[in-house]
Amino acid sequence: MSQPYGNVEPISNLMQYNPIGLIEEYAIEQDWSADRSNENELWAEIPGQWGSQRLWVAFHSETGFLQLNTYMSIKIPTRHRMSVAQTITLINERVWLGHFEVWTEEQVPVFRVVLPLRGTTLHEEQLNDIMTSIHEETERFFPALQWVVWGGKTPEEAIAAAIVETEGEA
């Protein structure tokens, strides 16, 4: 029988396993600048075609959730918040893993992936798939967000242009 949300008990094997070390190794292999805030958090700088992005990874050992947030380097002016929100809704319809949202404290787009790891471990192949997805999705949709914020495009125009450009590169 499942437990209620507020009554999740720590699992002993989670206390022994922490995926942050694997992610730190991955960042080092990619030659990214990375820094562990503590045993359960990691910050990394991810270079990309449109500039660097900040990756924050946190592992919650009591629940087994691993959260990866990629903060994109686009500041959203107040006057564009609604059109960016509409753009993000359209983007999320096209994303397989994770989702985009706006980090309200800083008004920047964030790509977020959360993995439940209770009772299991994160494997290198899975991490590679996740990081590839994060990279591809943020690179693919950065221009769409940029076109809405600075190019005066509607969300629909920005998404159409981002999709056409991606198809053309393949």
Protein backbone atom coordinates (compact mmCIF):
# COMPACT_ATOMS: atom_id res chain seq x y z
CA MET A 1 0.00 0.00 0.00
CA SER A 2 1.33 3.46 -0.87
CA GLN A 3 2.11 6.02 1.80
CA PRO A 4 0.62 9.51 1.87
CA TYR A 5 2.80 12.26 0.38
CA GLY A 6 3.76 13.86 3.67
CA ASN A 7 4.72 10.58 5.30
CA VAL A 8 7.61 9.32 3.15
CA GLU A 9 10.16 7.38 5.19
CA PRO A 10 13.87 7.46 4.33
CA ILE A 11 15.17 4.32 2.67
CA SER A 12 18.47 3.11 4.13
CA ASN A 13 20.13 2.32 0.78
CA LEU A 14 19.49 5.90 -0.38
CA MET A 15 21.67 7.17 2.42
CA GLN A 16 24.52 5.11 0.96
CA TYR A 17 24.03 6.11 -2.69
CA ASN A 18 24.50 9.65 -3.96
CA PRO A 19 24.47 10.35 -7.73
CA ILE A 20 26.16 13.76 -7.35
CA GLY A 21 29.60 12.12 -7.60
CA LEU A 22 28.71 10.55 -10.95
CA ILE A 23 27.44 13.88 -12.24
CA GLU A 24 30.59 15.63 -11.01
CA GLU A 25 32.71 13.07 -12.91
CA TYR A 26 30.61 13.68 -16.02
CA ALA A 27 31.14 17.46 -15.73
CA ILE A 28 34.90 16.96 -15.36
CA GLU A 29 34.96 14.68 -18.43
CA GLN A 30 33.13 17.39 -20.38
CA ASP A 31 35.70 19.96 -19.19
CA TRP A 32 32.97 22.05 -17.56
CA SER A 33 33.61 24.32 -14.65
CA ALA A 34 31.94 22.56 -11.70
CA ASP A 35 31.69 23.17 -7.97
CA ARG A 36 30.04 21.10 -5.25
CA SER A 37 28.19 23.30 -2.78
CA ASN A 38 27.88 20.32 -0.43
CA GLU A 39 27.59 16.52 -0.72
CA ASN A 40 24.09 16.82 -2.25
CA GLU A 41 24.50 19.81 -4.60
CA LEU A 42 26.57 20.64 -7.64
CA TRP A 43 26.83 23.74 -9.81
CA ALA A 44 28.32 23.56 -13.31
CA GLU A 45 28.79 25.95 -16.21
CA ILE A 46 27.66 24.40 -19.50
CA PRO A 47 29.02 26.03 -22.67
CA GLY A 48 26.71 26.16 -25.64
CA GLN A 49 26.14 27.68 -29.04
CA TRP A 50 24.15 30.55 -27.51
CA GLY A 51 26.39 31.14 -24.50
CA SER A 52 26.95 29.43 -21.18
CA GLN A 53 24.18 28.11 -18.98
CA ARG A 54 24.25 27.28 -15.28
CA LEU A 55 23.37 23.75 -14.20
CA TRP A 56 22.29 23.14 -10.62
CA VAL A 57 21.95 19.53 -9.51
CA ALA A 58 20.51 18.51 -6.14
CA PHE A 59 19.92 15.10 -4.63
CA HIS A 60 17.35 14.74 -1.86
CA SER A 61 18.51 11.64 -0.03
CA GLU A 62 15.35 11.21 2.05
CA THR A 63 13.08 10.87 -0.98
CA GLY A 64 15.59 9.77 -3.61
CA PHE A 65 14.73 12.59 -6.01
CA LEU A 66 17.45 14.00 -8.24
CA GLN A 67 16.76 17.44 -9.66
CA LEU A 68 18.68 19.03 -12.54
CA ASN A 69 17.92 22.67 -13.36
CA THR A 70 19.54 24.47 -16.29
CA TYR A 71 19.25 28.25 -15.97
CA MET A 72 19.30 29.87 -19.38
CA SER A 73 21.08 33.16 -19.95
CA ILE A 74 18.03 35.19 -21.01
CA LYS A 75 16.58 37.78 -18.66
CA ILE A 76 12.83 38.17 -19.25
CA PRO A 77 11.63 41.78 -19.12
CA THR A 78 8.31 42.34 -17.35
CA ARG A 79 6.57 43.35 -20.58
CA HIS A 80 7.40 39.95 -22.17
CA ARG A 81 6.50 37.61 -19.31
CA MET A 82 3.12 36.60 -20.72
CA SER A 83 4.44 35.93 -24.23
CA VAL A 84 7.37 33.93 -22.79
CA ALA A 85 4.91 31.90 -20.70
CA GLN A 86 2.89 31.16 -23.86
CA THR A 87 6.09 30.22 -25.70
CA ILE A 88 7.12 27.88 -22.90
CA THR A 89 3.72 26.18 -23.05
CA LEU A 90 4.23 25.55 -26.77
CA ILE A 91 7.80 24.38 -26.19
CA ASN A 92 6.78 21.92 -23.47
CA GLU A 93 4.42 20.21 -25.92
CA ARG A 94 7.52 19.26 -27.93
CA VAL A 95 9.80 18.11 -25.11
CA TRP A 96 10.11 14.42 -24.20
CA LEU A 97 12.09 14.60 -20.98
CA GLY A 98 11.81 17.46 -18.49
CA HIS A 99 10.11 20.78 -18.96
CA PHE A 100 10.76 24.51 -19.26
CA GLU A 101 9.52 27.04 -16.74
CA VAL A 102 10.41 30.54 -15.54
CA TRP A 103 12.38 30.95 -12.34
CA THR A 104 10.41 33.83 -10.90
CA GLU A 105 13.10 35.04 -8.51
CA GLU A 106 15.52 35.90 -11.34
CA GLN A 107 13.07 35.96 -14.29
CA VAL A 108 15.07 33.53 -16.40
CA PRO A 109 13.93 30.40 -18.24
CA VAL A 110 14.87 27.11 -16.61
CA PHE A 111 14.90 23.62 -18.07
CA ARG A 112 14.11 21.17 -15.25
CA VAL A 113 14.43 17.41 -15.06
CA VAL A 114 13.51 15.49 -11.89
CA LEU A 115 14.25 11.79 -11.52
CA PRO A 116 12.92 9.45 -8.85
CA LEU A 117 15.83 7.23 -7.83
CA ARG A 118 14.41 5.56 -4.74
CA GLY A 119 15.52 1.93 -4.72
CA THR A 120 17.80 2.34 -7.75
CA THR A 121 20.93 4.10 -8.96
CA LEU A 122 21.68 6.47 -11.80
CA HIS A 123 23.70 4.71 -14.52
CA GLU A 124 26.24 6.41 -16.80
CA GLU A 125 24.11 5.69 -19.86
CA GLN A 126 21.07 7.32 -18.26
CA LEU A 127 23.12 10.34 -17.22
CA ASN A 128 24.45 10.68 -20.75
CA ASP A 129 20.89 10.54 -22.14
CA ILE A 130 19.69 13.13 -19.62
CA MET A 131 22.57 15.52 -20.26
CA THR A 132 22.18 15.10 -24.03
CA SER A 133 18.49 15.92 -23.70
CA ILE A 134 19.19 18.98 -21.55
CA HIS A 135 21.77 20.23 -24.04
CA GLU A 136 19.65 19.57 -27.13
CA GLU A 137 16.44 21.07 -25.74
CA THR A 138 18.05 24.22 -24.35
CA GLU A 139 20.03 24.77 -27.56
CA ARG A 140 16.99 24.09 -29.74
CA PHE A 141 14.61 26.43 -27.93
CA PHE A 142 16.96 29.21 -26.79
CA PRO A 143 16.44 31.05 -30.11
CA ALA A 144 12.65 30.80 -29.79
CA LEU A 145 12.76 32.46 -26.37
CA GLN A 146 15.25 35.04 -27.65
CA TRP A 147 13.02 35.84 -30.65
CA VAL A 148 10.05 36.46 -28.36
CA VAL A 149 12.00 38.58 -25.87
CA TRP A 150 14.18 40.60 -28.25
CA GLY A 151 12.92 39.87 -31.78
CA GLY A 152 9.29 40.89 -31.43
CA LYS A 153 8.02 37.49 -32.63
CA THR A 154 4.82 35.89 -31.41
CA PRO A 155 5.19 32.59 -29.55
CA GLU A 156 3.84 30.72 -32.58
CA GLU A 157 6.28 32.42 -34.97
CA ALA A 158 9.21 31.76 -32.64
CA ILE A 159 8.36 28.07 -32.25
CA ALA A 160 7.85 27.62 -36.00
CA ALA A 161 11.23 29.23 -36.70
CA ALA A 162 13.00 27.11 -34.05
CA ILE A 163 11.52 23.89 -35.44
CA VAL A 164 12.33 24.74 -39.08
CA GLU A 165 15.92 25.66 -38.14
CA THR A 166 16.36 22.38 -36.24
CA GLU A 167 15.00 20.33 -39.13
CA GLY A 168 17.31 22.15 -41.51
CA GLU A 169 20.39 21.30 -39.43
CA ALA A 170 19.74 17.56 -39.46
